[in-house]
Amino acid sequence: VEKGILNYSESIMADMIGIPTHGRKGLSHF
């Protein structure tokens, strides 16, 4: 997942990456 997000973002020359988190419950299942 990590490589996929970074590689895709680089391939389209993105300016920012957004990710969801579960907050105090820890990182989301994804």
ModelCIF file with pLDDT and N, C-alpha, C, O atoms, coordinates in Angstrom:
data_MODEL
#
_entry.id   MODEL 
#
_entity.id                         1 
_entity.type                       polymer 
_entity.pdbx_number_of_molecules   1 
#
_entity_poly.entity_id                      1 
_entity_poly.type                           'polypeptide(L)' 
_entity_poly.nstd_linkage                   no 
_entity_poly.nstd_monomer                   no 
_entity_poly.pdbx_seq_one_letter_code       VEKGILNYSESIMADMIGIPTHGRKGLSHF 
_entity_poly.pdbx_seq_one_letter_code_can   VEKGILNYSESIMADMIGIPTHGRKGLSHF 
_entity_poly.pdbx_strand_id                 A 
#
loop_
_entity_poly_seq.entity_id 
_entity_poly_seq.num 
_entity_poly_seq.mon_id 
_entity_poly_seq.hetero 
1 1  VAL n 
1 2  GLU n 
1 3  LYS n 
1 4  GLY n 
1 5  ILE n 
1 6  LEU n 
1 7  ASN n 
1 8  TYR n 
1 9  SER n 
1 10 GLU n 
1 11 SER n 
1 12 ILE n 
1 13 MET n 
1 14 ALA n 
1 15 ASP n 
1 16 MET n 
1 17 ILE n 
1 18 GLY n 
1 19 ILE n 
1 20 PRO n 
1 21 THR n 
1 22 HIS n 
1 23 GLY n 
1 24 ARG n 
1 25 LYS n 
1 26 GLY n 
1 27 LEU n 
1 28 SER n 
1 29 HIS n 
1 30 PHE n 
#
_struct_asym.id          A 
_struct_asym.entity_id   1 
#
loop_
_ma_qa_metric.id 
_ma_qa_metric.mode 
_ma_qa_metric.name 
_ma_qa_metric.software_group_id 
_ma_qa_metric.type 
1 global pLDDT . pLDDT 
2 local  pLDDT . pLDDT 
#
_ma_qa_metric_global.metric_id      1 
_ma_qa_metric_global.metric_value   80.47 
_ma_qa_metric_global.model_id       1 
_ma_qa_metric_global.ordinal_id     1 
#
loop_
_ma_qa_metric_local.label_asym_id 
_ma_qa_metric_local.label_comp_id 
_ma_qa_metric_local.label_seq_id 
_ma_qa_metric_local.metric_id 
_ma_qa_metric_local.metric_value 
_ma_qa_metric_local.model_id 
_ma_qa_metric_local.ordinal_id 
A VAL 1  2 90.00 1 1  
A GLU 2  2 90.00 1 2  
A LYS 3  2 92.00 1 3  
A GLY 4  2 95.00 1 4  
A ILE 5  2 95.00 1 5  
A LEU 6  2 95.00 1 6  
A ASN 7  2 96.00 1 7  
A TYR 8  2 97.00 1 8  
A SER 9  2 97.00 1 9  
A GLU 10 2 96.00 1 10 
A SER 11 2 97.00 1 11 
A ILE 12 2 97.00 1 12 
A MET 13 2 96.00 1 13 
A ALA 14 2 97.00 1 14 
A ASP 15 2 96.00 1 15 
A MET 16 2 97.00 1 16 
A ILE 17 2 96.00 1 17 
A GLY 18 2 95.00 1 18 
A ILE 19 2 91.00 1 19 
A PRO 20 2 88.00 1 20 
A THR 21 2 81.00 1 21 
A HIS 22 2 72.00 1 22 
A GLY 23 2 60.00 1 23 
A ARG 24 2 51.00 1 24 
A LYS 25 2 49.00 1 25 
A GLY 26 2 44.00 1 26 
A LEU 27 2 42.00 1 27 
A SER 28 2 43.00 1 28 
A HIS 29 2 37.00 1 29 
A PHE 30 2 42.00 1 30 
#
loop_
_atom_site.group_PDB 
_atom_site.id 
_atom_site.type_symbol 
_atom_site.label_atom_id 
_atom_site.label_alt_id 
_atom_site.label_comp_id 
_atom_site.label_asym_id 
_atom_site.label_entity_id 
_atom_site.label_seq_id 
_atom_site.pdbx_PDB_ins_code 
_atom_site.Cartn_x 
_atom_site.Cartn_y 
_atom_site.Cartn_z 
_atom_site.occupancy 
_atom_site.B_iso_or_equiv 
_atom_site.pdbx_formal_charge 
_atom_site.auth_seq_id 
_atom_site.auth_comp_id 
_atom_site.auth_asym_id 
_atom_site.auth_atom_id 
_atom_site.pdbx_PDB_model_num 
ATOM 1   N N  . VAL A 1 1  ? 0.835  -1.201 0.000   1.00 90.00 ? 1  VAL A N  1 
ATOM 2   C CA . VAL A 1 1  ? 0.000  0.000  0.000   1.00 90.00 ? 1  VAL A CA 1 
ATOM 3   C C  . VAL A 1 1  ? 0.868  1.248  0.000   1.00 90.00 ? 1  VAL A C  1 
ATOM 4   O O  . VAL A 1 1  ? 0.620  2.188  -0.755  1.00 90.00 ? 1  VAL A O  1 
ATOM 5   N N  . GLU A 1 2  ? 1.904  1.252  0.865   1.00 90.00 ? 2  GLU A N  1 
ATOM 6   C CA . GLU A 1 2  ? 2.777  2.422  0.959   1.00 90.00 ? 2  GLU A CA 1 
ATOM 7   C C  . GLU A 1 2  ? 3.430  2.733  -0.385  1.00 90.00 ? 2  GLU A C  1 
ATOM 8   O O  . GLU A 1 2  ? 3.379  3.867  -0.861  1.00 90.00 ? 2  GLU A O  1 
ATOM 9   N N  . LYS A 1 3  ? 4.054  1.698  -1.002  1.00 92.00 ? 3  LYS A N  1 
ATOM 10  C CA . LYS A 1 3  ? 4.719  1.912  -2.286  1.00 92.00 ? 3  LYS A CA 1 
ATOM 11  C C  . LYS A 1 3  ? 3.724  2.357  -3.351  1.00 92.00 ? 3  LYS A C  1 
ATOM 12  O O  . LYS A 1 3  ? 4.026  3.212  -4.183  1.00 92.00 ? 3  LYS A O  1 
ATOM 13  N N  . GLY A 1 4  ? 2.542  1.767  -3.313  1.00 95.00 ? 4  GLY A N  1 
ATOM 14  C CA . GLY A 1 4  ? 1.527  2.109  -4.297  1.00 95.00 ? 4  GLY A CA 1 
ATOM 15  C C  . GLY A 1 4  ? 1.121  3.569  -4.218  1.00 95.00 ? 4  GLY A C  1 
ATOM 16  O O  . GLY A 1 4  ? 1.015  4.241  -5.244  1.00 95.00 ? 4  GLY A O  1 
ATOM 17  N N  . ILE A 1 5  ? 0.891  4.070  -3.000  1.00 95.00 ? 5  ILE A N  1 
ATOM 18  C CA . ILE A 1 5  ? 0.486  5.469  -2.812  1.00 95.00 ? 5  ILE A CA 1 
ATOM 19  C C  . ILE A 1 5  ? 1.610  6.409  -3.257  1.00 95.00 ? 5  ILE A C  1 
ATOM 20  O O  . ILE A 1 5  ? 1.367  7.384  -3.968  1.00 95.00 ? 5  ILE A O  1 
ATOM 21  N N  . LEU A 1 6  ? 2.830  6.109  -2.836  1.00 95.00 ? 6  LEU A N  1 
ATOM 22  C CA . LEU A 1 6  ? 3.963  6.973  -3.176  1.00 95.00 ? 6  LEU A CA 1 
ATOM 23  C C  . LEU A 1 6  ? 4.247  6.955  -4.678  1.00 95.00 ? 6  LEU A C  1 
ATOM 24  O O  . LEU A 1 6  ? 4.476  8.000  -5.287  1.00 95.00 ? 6  LEU A O  1 
ATOM 25  N N  . ASN A 1 7  ? 4.229  5.747  -5.273  1.00 96.00 ? 7  ASN A N  1 
ATOM 26  C CA . ASN A 1 7  ? 4.522  5.637  -6.700  1.00 96.00 ? 7  ASN A CA 1 
ATOM 27  C C  . ASN A 1 7  ? 3.435  6.270  -7.558  1.00 96.00 ? 7  ASN A C  1 
ATOM 28  O O  . ASN A 1 7  ? 3.730  6.931  -8.553  1.00 96.00 ? 7  ASN A O  1 
ATOM 29  N N  . TYR A 1 8  ? 2.178  6.067  -7.170  1.00 97.00 ? 8  TYR A N  1 
ATOM 30  C CA . TYR A 1 8  ? 1.084  6.673  -7.938  1.00 97.00 ? 8  TYR A CA 1 
ATOM 31  C C  . TYR A 1 8  ? 1.148  8.193  -7.844  1.00 97.00 ? 8  TYR A C  1 
ATOM 32  O O  . TYR A 1 8  ? 0.983  8.890  -8.845  1.00 97.00 ? 8  TYR A O  1 
ATOM 33  N N  . SER A 1 9  ? 1.387  8.699  -6.650  1.00 97.00 ? 9  SER A N  1 
ATOM 34  C CA . SER A 1 9  ? 1.459  10.160 -6.451  1.00 97.00 ? 9  SER A CA 1 
ATOM 35  C C  . SER A 1 9  ? 2.582  10.763 -7.282  1.00 97.00 ? 9  SER A C  1 
ATOM 36  O O  . SER A 1 9  ? 2.435  11.835 -7.868  1.00 97.00 ? 9  SER A O  1 
ATOM 37  N N  . GLU A 1 10 ? 3.712  10.053 -7.323  1.00 96.00 ? 10 GLU A N  1 
ATOM 38  C CA . GLU A 1 10 ? 4.841  10.545 -8.118  1.00 96.00 ? 10 GLU A CA 1 
ATOM 39  C C  . GLU A 1 10 ? 4.518  10.492 -9.612  1.00 96.00 ? 10 GLU A C  1 
ATOM 40  O O  . GLU A 1 10 ? 4.905  11.385 -10.366 1.00 96.00 ? 10 GLU A O  1 
ATOM 41  N N  . SER A 1 11 ? 3.807  9.440  -10.037 1.00 97.00 ? 11 SER A N  1 
ATOM 42  C CA . SER A 1 11 ? 3.525  9.269  -11.463 1.00 97.00 ? 11 SER A CA 1 
ATOM 43  C C  . SER A 1 11 ? 2.613  10.354 -12.019 1.00 97.00 ? 11 SER A C  1 
ATOM 44  O O  . SER A 1 11 ? 2.695  10.689 -13.201 1.00 97.00 ? 11 SER A O  1 
ATOM 45  N N  . ILE A 1 12 ? 1.743  10.906 -11.173 1.00 97.00 ? 12 ILE A N  1 
ATOM 46  C CA . ILE A 1 12 ? 0.845  11.968 -11.663 1.00 97.00 ? 12 ILE A CA 1 
ATOM 47  C C  . ILE A 1 12 ? 1.315  13.350 -11.196 1.00 97.00 ? 12 ILE A C  1 
ATOM 48  O O  . ILE A 1 12 ? 0.615  14.345 -11.381 1.00 97.00 ? 12 ILE A O  1 
ATOM 49  N N  . MET A 1 13 ? 2.506  13.400 -10.590 1.00 96.00 ? 13 MET A N  1 
ATOM 50  C CA . MET A 1 13 ? 3.094  14.659 -10.115 1.00 96.00 ? 13 MET A CA 1 
ATOM 51  C C  . MET A 1 13 ? 2.152  15.379 -9.144  1.00 96.00 ? 13 MET A C  1 
ATOM 52  O O  . MET A 1 13 ? 1.880  16.570 -9.289  1.00 96.00 ? 13 MET A O  1 
ATOM 53  N N  . ALA A 1 14 ? 1.663  14.634 -8.158  1.00 97.00 ? 14 ALA A N  1 
ATOM 54  C CA . ALA A 1 14 ? 0.764  15.201 -7.146  1.00 97.00 ? 14 ALA A CA 1 
ATOM 55  C C  . ALA A 1 14 ? 1.523  16.162 -6.238  1.00 97.00 ? 14 ALA A C  1 
ATOM 56  O O  . ALA A 1 14 ? 2.739  16.051 -6.082  1.00 97.00 ? 14 ALA A O  1 
ATOM 57  N N  . ASP A 1 15 ? 0.801  17.102 -5.644  1.00 96.00 ? 15 ASP A N  1 
ATOM 58  C CA . ASP A 1 15 ? 1.395  18.090 -4.747  1.00 96.00 ? 15 ASP A CA 1 
ATOM 59  C C  . ASP A 1 15 ? 1.221  17.725 -3.278  1.00 96.00 ? 15 ASP A C  1 
ATOM 60  O O  . ASP A 1 15 ? 1.897  18.278 -2.411  1.00 96.00 ? 15 ASP A O  1 
ATOM 61  N N  . MET A 1 16 ? 0.298  16.779 -2.997  1.00 97.00 ? 16 MET A N  1 
ATOM 62  C CA . MET A 1 16 ? 0.026  16.407 -1.611  1.00 97.00 ? 16 MET A CA 1 
ATOM 63  C C  . MET A 1 16 ? -0.657 15.052 -1.583  1.00 97.00 ? 16 MET A C  1 
ATOM 64  O O  . MET A 1 16 ? -1.377 14.688 -2.513  1.00 97.00 ? 16 MET A O  1 
ATOM 65  N N  . ILE A 1 17 ? -0.423 14.296 -0.492  1.00 96.00 ? 17 ILE A N  1 
ATOM 66  C CA . ILE A 1 17 ? -1.063 13.006 -0.286  1.00 96.00 ? 17 ILE A CA 1 
ATOM 67  C C  . ILE A 1 17 ? -1.982 13.097 0.926   1.00 96.00 ? 17 ILE A C  1 
ATOM 68  O O  . ILE A 1 17 ? -1.573 13.590 1.977   1.00 96.00 ? 17 ILE A O  1 
ATOM 69  N N  . GLY A 1 18 ? -3.198 12.634 0.792   1.00 95.00 ? 18 GLY A N  1 
ATOM 70  C CA . GLY A 1 18 ? -4.147 12.610 1.898   1.00 95.00 ? 18 GLY A CA 1 
ATOM 71  C C  . GLY A 1 18 ? -4.404 11.177 2.341   1.00 95.00 ? 18 GLY A C  1 
ATOM 72  O O  . GLY A 1 18 ? -4.629 10.303 1.505   1.00 95.00 ? 18 GLY A O  1 
ATOM 73  N N  . ILE A 1 19 ? -4.373 10.924 3.662   1.00 91.00 ? 19 ILE A N  1 
ATOM 74  C CA . ILE A 1 19 ? -4.631 9.583  4.180   1.00 91.00 ? 19 ILE A CA 1 
ATOM 75  C C  . ILE A 1 19 ? -5.600 9.665  5.364   1.00 91.00 ? 19 ILE A C  1 
ATOM 76  O O  . ILE A 1 19 ? -5.551 10.619 6.139   1.00 91.00 ? 19 ILE A O  1 
ATOM 77  N N  . PRO A 1 20 ? -6.483 8.664  5.504   1.00 88.00 ? 20 PRO A N  1 
ATOM 78  C CA . PRO A 1 20 ? -7.403 8.628  6.643   1.00 88.00 ? 20 PRO A CA 1 
ATOM 79  C C  . PRO A 1 20 ? -6.767 7.960  7.857   1.00 88.00 ? 20 PRO A C  1 
ATOM 80  O O  . PRO A 1 20 ? -5.946 7.055  7.704   1.00 88.00 ? 20 PRO A O  1 
ATOM 81  N N  . THR A 1 21 ? -7.136 8.395  9.060   1.00 81.00 ? 21 THR A N  1 
ATOM 82  C CA . THR A 1 21 ? -6.697 7.722  10.287  1.00 81.00 ? 21 THR A CA 1 
ATOM 83  C C  . THR A 1 21 ? -7.881 7.592  11.223  1.00 81.00 ? 21 THR A C  1 
ATOM 84  O O  . THR A 1 21 ? -8.847 8.351  11.148  1.00 81.00 ? 21 THR A O  1 
ATOM 85  N N  . HIS A 1 22 ? -7.785 6.610  12.107  1.00 72.00 ? 22 HIS A N  1 
ATOM 86  C CA . HIS A 1 22 ? -8.845 6.373  13.093  1.00 72.00 ? 22 HIS A CA 1 
ATOM 87  C C  . HIS A 1 22 ? -8.632 7.180  14.364  1.00 72.00 ? 22 HIS A C  1 
ATOM 88  O O  . HIS A 1 22 ? -9.356 6.986  15.341  1.00 72.00 ? 22 HIS A O  1 
ATOM 89  N N  . GLY A 1 23 ? -7.663 8.074  14.373  1.00 60.00 ? 23 GLY A N  1 
ATOM 90  C CA . GLY A 1 23 ? -7.423 8.879  15.571  1.00 60.00 ? 23 GLY A CA 1 
ATOM 91  C C  . GLY A 1 23 ? -6.945 8.050  16.735  1.00 60.00 ? 23 GLY A C  1 
ATOM 92  O O  . GLY A 1 23 ? -6.017 7.252  16.596  1.00 60.00 ? 23 GLY A O  1 
ATOM 93  N N  . ARG A 1 24 ? -7.571 8.231  17.889  1.00 51.00 ? 24 ARG A N  1 
ATOM 94  C CA . ARG A 1 24 ? -7.114 7.566  19.116  1.00 51.00 ? 24 ARG A CA 1 
ATOM 95  C C  . ARG A 1 24 ? -7.244 6.055  19.039  1.00 51.00 ? 24 ARG A C  1 
ATOM 96  O O  . ARG A 1 24 ? -6.611 5.344  19.820  1.00 51.00 ? 24 ARG A O  1 
ATOM 97  N N  . LYS A 1 25 ? -8.050 5.549  18.115  1.00 49.00 ? 25 LYS A N  1 
ATOM 98  C CA . LYS A 1 25 ? -8.235 4.113  17.993  1.00 49.00 ? 25 LYS A CA 1 
ATOM 99  C C  . LYS A 1 25 ? -7.125 3.465  17.167  1.00 49.00 ? 25 LYS A C  1 
ATOM 100 O O  . LYS A 1 25 ? -7.125 2.250  16.966  1.00 49.00 ? 25 LYS A O  1 
ATOM 101 N N  . GLY A 1 26 ? -6.190 4.269  16.695  1.00 44.00 ? 26 GLY A N  1 
ATOM 102 C CA . GLY A 1 26 ? -5.105 3.730  15.896  1.00 44.00 ? 26 GLY A CA 1 
ATOM 103 C C  . GLY A 1 26 ? -5.334 3.981  14.425  1.00 44.00 ? 26 GLY A C  1 
ATOM 104 O O  . GLY A 1 26 ? -6.377 4.511  14.042  1.00 44.00 ? 26 GLY A O  1 
ATOM 105 N N  . LEU A 1 27 ? -4.385 3.613  13.599  1.00 42.00 ? 27 LEU A N  1 
ATOM 106 C CA . LEU A 1 27 ? -4.518 3.825  12.170  1.00 42.00 ? 27 LEU A CA 1 
ATOM 107 C C  . LEU A 1 27 ? -5.637 2.949  11.623  1.00 42.00 ? 27 LEU A C  1 
ATOM 108 O O  . LEU A 1 27 ? -5.921 1.878  12.158  1.00 42.00 ? 27 LEU A O  1 
ATOM 109 N N  . SER A 1 28 ? -6.265 3.416  10.553  1.00 43.00 ? 28 SER A N  1 
ATOM 110 C CA . SER A 1 28 ? -7.407 2.709  9.980   1.00 43.00 ? 28 SER A CA 1 
ATOM 111 C C  . SER A 1 28 ? -7.006 1.319  9.507   1.00 43.00 ? 28 SER A C  1 
ATOM 112 O O  . SER A 1 28 ? -5.823 1.002  9.386   1.00 43.00 ? 28 SER A O  1 
ATOM 113 N N  . HIS A 1 29 ? -8.011 0.503  9.245   1.00 37.00 ? 29 HIS A N  1 
ATOM 114 C CA . HIS A 1 29 ? -7.762 -0.868 8.798   1.00 37.00 ? 29 HIS A CA 1 
ATOM 115 C C  . HIS A 1 29 ? -6.911 -0.873 7.529   1.00 37.00 ? 29 HIS A C  1 
ATOM 116 O O  . HIS A 1 29 ? -6.052 -1.736 7.346   1.00 37.00 ? 29 HIS A O  1 
ATOM 117 N N  . PHE A 1 30 ? -7.159 0.088  6.671   1.00 42.00 ? 30 PHE A N  1 
ATOM 118 C CA . PHE A 1 30 ? -6.402 0.163  5.417   1.00 42.00 ? 30 PHE A CA 1 
ATOM 119 C C  . PHE A 1 30 ? -4.948 0.517  5.687   1.00 42.00 ? 30 PHE A C  1 
ATOM 120 O O  . PHE A 1 30 ? -4.155 0.626  4.751   1.00 42.00 ? 30 PHE A O  1 
#
